[in-house]
């Protein structure tokens, strides 16, 4: 279903705020950007209390061996992390494409190049982990003929600016309603199709497979695309470091090397989830716990109380 547009006054206010922040971000020092990003994340935690409670439930259910205090520490850093990455992504949007590799270095990029060389297109997967917006820009700086899926923003003014950025980068954006046919065609034309399959979908849109050890409704579209076109699957994760960011490639899955019992959407989707889950478990503070990843899961919810009993 399409997202409902906000009223004109709210759209205008959001847009003016965004432009003011973007202007400040472009002129800020790197240390200032990190400092203000952490403050922004902390503020978001207090404003978005419902999302904070949801994130705590997700963390406690996923890591039962950790105390509530440990989960709280992870989540506090998670909020700060995404505050910093939000500002970093705004700044990176205005960096010329040719200069992006100087801000985001590539690790094991030969994995992607070797997959492209097979000539069957590439299904490139990541997650809402680390700096995925910067990862998208870095990919465009590294390879051509990139396609991805997105839905329109609920703010027409912000959507207009985003369209200009996409036009500058050359990425082909496919509407979710017509994604399957368009992406199959792109793979047949040797494109790199970028997808983030770590968010919840409705039961009719996916399958129930483990994610971080718990059953979760997951899209099987990446697996079906790869199986249909015999396209290799490559994973990429963007992480902040002392030099800026690094984009790490890993886990090339070649369909022609799978056993017969692995050549089905369910088995391949489970394998995809396993790779993403391993990354998140290693650095839980940089994944988007505020998303209702396990909605529709029949296992029920866990009640989490904070130190003040709320």
Protein backbone atom coordinates (compact mmCIF):
# COMPACT_ATOMS: atom_id res chain seq x y z
CA UNK A 1 0.00 0.00 0.00
CA UNK A 2 1.21 3.51 -0.74
CA UNK A 3 2.20 5.70 2.19
CA UNK A 4 -0.12 8.57 3.03
CA UNK A 5 1.34 12.01 2.32
CA UNK A 6 1.72 14.46 5.20
CA UNK A 7 -0.06 17.79 5.09
CA UNK A 8 1.64 20.67 3.27
CA UNK A 9 2.59 22.60 6.42
CA UNK A 10 4.26 19.59 8.03
CA UNK A 11 6.10 18.76 4.81
CA UNK A 12 7.37 22.33 4.57
CA UNK A 13 8.54 22.37 8.20
CA UNK A 14 10.37 19.06 7.79
CA UNK A 15 11.98 20.23 4.57
CA UNK A 16 13.24 23.50 6.07
CA UNK A 17 14.65 21.61 9.04
CA UNK A 18 16.40 19.17 6.71
CA UNK A 19 17.92 21.97 4.63
CA UNK A 20 19.15 23.73 7.77
CA UNK A 21 20.72 20.54 9.08
CA UNK A 22 22.27 19.76 5.68
CA UNK A 23 23.83 23.21 5.54
CA UNK A 24 25.29 22.86 9.04
CA UNK A 25 26.56 19.34 8.32
CA UNK A 26 28.48 20.42 5.23
CA UNK A 27 30.43 23.04 7.19
CA UNK A 28 30.99 21.03 10.39
CA UNK A 29 34.29 19.39 11.31
CA UNK A 30 34.45 15.59 11.51
CA UNK A 31 34.73 15.67 15.30
CA UNK A 32 31.85 18.14 15.52
CA UNK A 33 29.73 15.94 13.26
CA UNK A 34 30.30 12.91 15.49
CA UNK A 35 29.59 14.91 18.64
CA UNK A 36 26.35 16.42 17.36
CA UNK A 37 25.30 13.11 15.82
CA UNK A 38 25.61 11.40 19.20
CA UNK A 39 23.52 14.15 20.76
CA UNK A 40 20.92 13.81 18.02
CA UNK A 41 20.69 10.07 18.64
CA UNK A 42 20.29 10.56 22.38
CA UNK A 43 17.55 13.10 21.77
CA UNK A 44 15.79 10.69 19.40
CA UNK A 45 15.81 8.02 22.10
CA UNK A 46 13.86 10.30 24.46
CA UNK A 47 11.47 11.57 21.80
CA UNK A 48 10.73 8.19 20.21
CA UNK A 49 9.97 6.34 23.43
CA UNK A 50 7.73 3.77 21.78
CA UNK A 51 10.53 2.79 19.40
CA UNK A 52 12.95 2.64 22.32
CA UNK A 53 10.68 0.23 24.21
CA UNK A 54 10.29 -1.91 21.09
CA UNK A 55 14.05 -2.01 20.61
CA UNK A 56 14.57 -3.12 24.21
CA UNK A 57 12.05 -5.94 23.78
CA UNK A 58 13.87 -7.03 20.62
CA UNK A 59 17.26 -7.01 22.34
CA UNK A 60 16.16 -8.86 25.47
CA UNK A 61 14.38 -11.54 23.43
CA UNK A 62 17.35 -11.98 21.09
CA UNK A 63 20.03 -12.07 23.80
CA UNK A 64 18.44 -13.78 26.83
CA UNK A 65 21.91 -14.31 28.29
CA UNK A 66 22.39 -10.55 28.64
CA UNK A 67 21.01 -8.51 31.52
CA UNK A 68 18.58 -5.66 30.98
CA UNK A 69 21.39 -3.27 31.90
CA UNK A 70 23.63 -4.76 29.20
CA UNK A 71 20.87 -4.45 26.62
CA UNK A 72 20.25 -0.88 27.70
CA UNK A 73 23.92 -0.07 27.15
CA UNK A 74 23.82 -1.60 23.66
CA UNK A 75 20.67 0.31 22.77
CA UNK A 76 21.96 3.65 24.04
CA UNK A 77 25.01 3.29 21.81
CA UNK A 78 22.72 2.20 18.96
CA UNK A 79 20.78 5.47 19.18
CA UNK A 80 24.01 7.48 19.23
CA UNK A 81 25.37 5.47 16.31
CA UNK A 82 22.38 6.16 14.09
CA UNK A 83 22.43 9.83 15.03
CA UNK A 84 26.02 10.03 13.83
CA UNK A 85 25.31 8.03 10.66
CA UNK A 86 22.28 10.16 9.79
CA UNK A 87 24.46 13.27 9.70
CA UNK A 88 27.29 11.45 7.93
CA UNK A 89 24.90 10.26 5.21
CA UNK A 90 23.57 13.79 4.65
CA UNK A 91 27.14 15.04 4.22
CA UNK A 92 28.09 12.19 1.88
CA UNK A 93 25.12 12.92 -0.40
CA UNK A 94 26.85 16.13 -1.43
CA UNK A 95 30.28 14.60 -2.06
CA UNK A 96 31.12 14.16 -5.77
CA UNK A 97 30.81 10.50 -6.78
CA UNK A 98 34.47 10.34 -7.84
CA UNK A 99 35.57 11.42 -4.36
CA UNK A 100 33.49 8.93 -2.36
CA UNK A 101 36.20 6.20 -2.33
CA UNK A 102 38.45 8.62 -0.43
CA UNK A 103 35.83 8.70 2.34
CA UNK A 104 34.82 5.03 2.19
CA UNK A 105 37.48 2.45 1.43
CA UNK A 106 36.65 -0.94 -0.07
CA UNK A 107 37.61 -4.24 1.56
CA UNK A 108 37.67 -7.43 -0.55
CA UNK A 109 36.15 -5.62 -3.51
CA UNK A 110 37.48 -8.38 -5.77
CA UNK A 111 34.60 -10.54 -4.50
CA UNK A 112 32.12 -8.22 -6.21
CA UNK A 113 34.25 -7.84 -9.35
CA UNK A 114 34.60 -11.62 -9.72
CA UNK A 115 30.83 -12.03 -9.33
CA UNK A 116 30.19 -9.38 -11.99
CA UNK A 117 32.64 -11.13 -14.32
CA UNK A 118 30.41 -14.23 -14.36
CA UNK A 119 28.05 -12.25 -16.60
CA UNK A 120 24.76 -13.18 -14.94
CA UNK A 121 24.18 -10.03 -12.91
CA UNK A 122 24.74 -9.83 -9.15
CA UNK A 123 22.32 -9.82 -6.22
CA UNK A 124 24.12 -7.57 -3.72
CA UNK A 125 22.71 -7.81 -0.21
CA UNK A 126 23.19 -5.70 2.89
CA UNK A 127 21.11 -4.76 5.93
CA UNK A 128 19.98 -1.81 8.01
CA UNK A 129 23.30 -2.14 9.75
CA UNK A 130 26.18 0.27 10.09
CA UNK A 131 26.02 2.94 7.40
CA UNK A 132 23.81 1.46 4.70
CA UNK A 133 23.02 4.82 3.06
CA UNK A 134 26.73 5.51 2.62
CA UNK A 135 27.16 1.95 1.35
CA UNK A 136 24.68 2.69 -1.42
CA UNK A 137 26.66 5.72 -2.57
CA UNK A 138 29.94 3.83 -2.34
CA UNK A 139 28.62 0.98 -4.52
CA UNK A 140 27.65 3.48 -7.20
CA UNK A 141 31.17 4.91 -7.09
CA UNK A 142 32.61 1.42 -7.58
CA UNK A 143 30.43 -0.14 -10.29
CA UNK A 144 27.93 0.88 -12.96
CA UNK A 145 24.43 -0.36 -13.83
CA UNK A 146 23.11 -0.45 -10.26
CA UNK A 147 19.42 -1.06 -9.52
CA UNK A 148 17.58 -1.00 -6.22
CA UNK A 149 14.06 -0.92 -4.76
CA UNK A 150 12.48 1.96 -2.85
CA UNK A 151 9.10 3.37 -2.00
CA UNK A 152 8.26 7.09 -2.20
CA UNK A 153 8.78 9.23 0.90
CA UNK A 154 5.72 10.68 2.60
CA UNK A 155 7.19 14.17 2.11
CA UNK A 156 7.04 15.37 -1.50
CA UNK A 157 9.70 18.06 -0.97
CA UNK A 158 12.21 15.60 0.45
CA UNK A 159 11.29 13.11 -2.27
CA UNK A 160 12.14 15.76 -4.89
CA UNK A 161 15.60 16.33 -3.41
CA UNK A 162 16.18 12.59 -3.17
CA UNK A 163 15.26 12.20 -6.85
CA UNK A 164 17.91 14.78 -7.75
CA UNK A 165 20.55 12.88 -5.77
CA UNK A 166 19.58 9.62 -7.45
CA UNK A 167 19.75 11.26 -10.87
CA UNK A 168 23.26 12.49 -10.09
CA UNK A 169 24.43 9.04 -9.03
CA UNK A 170 22.82 7.20 -11.96
CA UNK A 171 21.22 4.49 -9.82
CA UNK A 172 18.02 2.97 -11.23
CA UNK A 173 15.28 2.90 -8.58
CA UNK A 174 12.44 0.43 -9.00
CA UNK A 175 9.05 0.84 -7.34
CA UNK A 176 8.21 -2.02 -4.97
CA UNK A 177 4.90 -2.70 -6.74
CA UNK A 178 6.67 -3.71 -9.96
CA UNK A 179 9.98 -4.83 -8.52
CA UNK A 180 10.15 -8.52 -9.48
CA UNK A 181 9.83 -8.16 -13.25
CA UNK A 182 12.06 -5.07 -13.38
CA UNK A 183 14.81 -6.67 -11.29
CA UNK A 184 14.77 -9.90 -13.29
CA UNK A 185 15.21 -7.84 -16.45
CA UNK A 186 18.05 -5.89 -14.82
CA UNK A 187 19.88 -9.09 -13.85
CA UNK A 188 19.47 -10.43 -17.39
CA UNK A 189 21.26 -7.25 -18.49
CA UNK A 190 24.14 -7.94 -16.08
CA UNK A 191 23.13 -5.32 -13.53
CA UNK A 192 24.01 -5.20 -9.85
CA UNK A 193 20.75 -5.38 -7.89
CA UNK A 194 21.08 -3.98 -4.36
CA UNK A 195 18.59 -5.16 -1.71
CA UNK A 196 18.27 -4.94 2.08
CA UNK A 197 16.23 -8.00 3.10
CA UNK A 198 16.49 -7.71 6.90
CA UNK A 199 13.14 -6.04 7.60
CA UNK A 200 9.83 -7.70 8.37
CA UNK A 201 7.30 -8.46 5.66
CA UNK A 202 3.71 -9.62 5.84
CA UNK A 203 3.15 -13.37 5.87
CA UNK A 204 1.78 -13.35 2.33
CA UNK A 205 4.96 -11.63 1.09
CA UNK A 206 7.58 -13.95 2.57
CA UNK A 207 8.44 -17.05 4.53
CA UNK A 208 9.07 -17.80 8.20
CA UNK A 209 12.77 -18.54 8.74
CA UNK A 210 15.20 -17.92 11.62
CA UNK A 211 16.67 -14.45 12.03
CA UNK A 212 19.04 -14.00 14.97
CA UNK A 213 17.79 -17.34 16.25
CA UNK A 214 14.09 -16.42 16.25
CA UNK A 215 11.47 -17.14 13.55
CA UNK A 216 10.81 -14.03 11.47
CA UNK A 217 8.79 -13.32 8.35
CA UNK A 218 11.40 -12.67 5.68
CA UNK A 219 11.22 -11.79 2.01
CA UNK A 220 12.42 -14.62 -0.21
CA UNK A 221 12.67 -12.30 -3.22
CA UNK A 222 16.51 -12.15 -3.25
CA UNK A 223 16.72 -15.93 -3.23
CA UNK A 224 14.12 -16.27 -6.00
CA UNK A 225 15.88 -13.67 -8.16
CA UNK A 226 19.25 -15.37 -7.76
CA UNK A 227 17.84 -18.83 -8.45
CA UNK A 228 15.86 -17.67 -11.49
CA UNK A 229 18.81 -15.92 -13.16
CA UNK A 230 21.60 -18.08 -11.69
CA UNK A 231 23.07 -14.83 -10.35
CA UNK A 232 25.73 -14.90 -7.62
CA UNK A 233 24.86 -13.37 -4.25
CA UNK A 234 27.38 -11.03 -2.63
CA UNK A 235 27.10 -9.39 0.79
CA UNK A 236 28.35 -5.89 1.62
CA UNK A 237 28.39 -4.11 4.99
CA UNK A 238 29.48 -0.51 5.59
CA UNK A 239 31.05 0.30 8.96
CA UNK A 240 32.42 3.53 10.43
CA UNK A 241 36.10 3.52 11.37
CA UNK A 242 38.83 5.97 12.33
CA UNK A 243 39.42 6.89 8.66
CA UNK A 244 35.75 7.46 7.83
CA UNK A 245 33.96 4.32 6.60
CA UNK A 246 34.84 0.99 5.05
CA UNK A 247 32.64 -1.18 2.82
CA UNK A 248 33.36 -4.88 3.40
CA UNK A 249 32.37 -7.51 0.82
CA UNK A 250 31.96 -11.13 1.83
CA UNK A 251 30.23 -14.45 1.36
CA UNK A 252 29.81 -14.81 -2.39
CA UNK A 253 27.18 -17.52 -2.94
CA UNK A 254 27.27 -19.11 -6.38
CA UNK A 255 24.03 -20.79 -7.37
CA UNK A 256 25.81 -23.24 -9.66
CA UNK A 257 27.81 -24.52 -6.68
CA UNK A 258 24.83 -25.25 -4.44
CA UNK A 259 23.69 -28.78 -3.70
CA UNK A 260 20.26 -29.82 -4.95
CA UNK A 261 18.73 -29.48 -1.47
CA UNK A 262 20.07 -25.90 -1.27
CA UNK A 263 18.59 -24.77 -4.57
CA UNK A 264 15.26 -23.60 -3.21
CA UNK A 265 14.06 -20.24 -1.91
CA UNK A 266 13.57 -21.35 1.71
CA UNK A 267 17.04 -22.84 2.15
CA UNK A 268 18.72 -19.94 0.41
CA UNK A 269 16.75 -17.35 2.40
CA UNK A 270 17.81 -19.07 5.62
CA UNK A 271 21.43 -18.90 4.50
CA UNK A 272 21.05 -15.20 3.71
CA UNK A 273 19.58 -14.57 7.17
CA UNK A 274 22.42 -16.52 8.77
CA UNK A 275 25.03 -14.24 7.18
CA UNK A 276 23.23 -11.07 8.25
CA UNK A 277 22.54 -12.46 11.74
CA UNK A 278 26.21 -13.27 12.25
CA UNK A 279 27.13 -9.69 11.46
CA UNK A 280 24.53 -8.28 13.83
CA UNK A 281 25.47 -10.61 16.68
CA UNK A 282 29.10 -9.46 16.39
CA UNK A 283 28.17 -5.73 16.50
CA UNK A 284 24.61 -5.46 17.85
CA UNK A 285 24.97 -1.74 18.59
CA UNK A 286 24.95 -0.84 14.89
CA UNK A 287 21.78 -2.63 13.76
CA UNK A 288 18.31 -1.04 13.64
CA UNK A 289 16.66 -2.64 16.69
CA UNK A 290 13.91 0.01 16.59
CA UNK A 291 12.28 -1.82 13.67
CA UNK A 292 9.52 -4.34 14.49
CA UNK A 293 11.47 -7.19 12.90
CA UNK A 294 9.52 -10.01 14.55
CA UNK A 295 5.99 -8.69 14.08
CA UNK A 296 3.51 -11.44 13.36
CA UNK A 297 5.75 -13.92 15.15
CA UNK A 298 3.46 -16.25 17.15
CA UNK A 299 6.02 -16.58 19.96
CA UNK A 300 4.63 -13.46 21.67
CA UNK A 301 6.20 -10.39 23.18
CA UNK A 302 8.50 -10.01 26.15
CA UNK A 303 7.78 -7.37 28.76
CA UNK A 304 10.86 -5.30 29.60
CA UNK A 305 11.00 -3.04 32.64
CA UNK A 306 13.60 -0.33 33.09
CA UNK A 307 15.34 0.49 36.33
CA UNK A 308 12.56 2.95 37.28
CA UNK A 309 9.91 0.28 36.76
CA UNK A 310 8.44 1.69 33.55
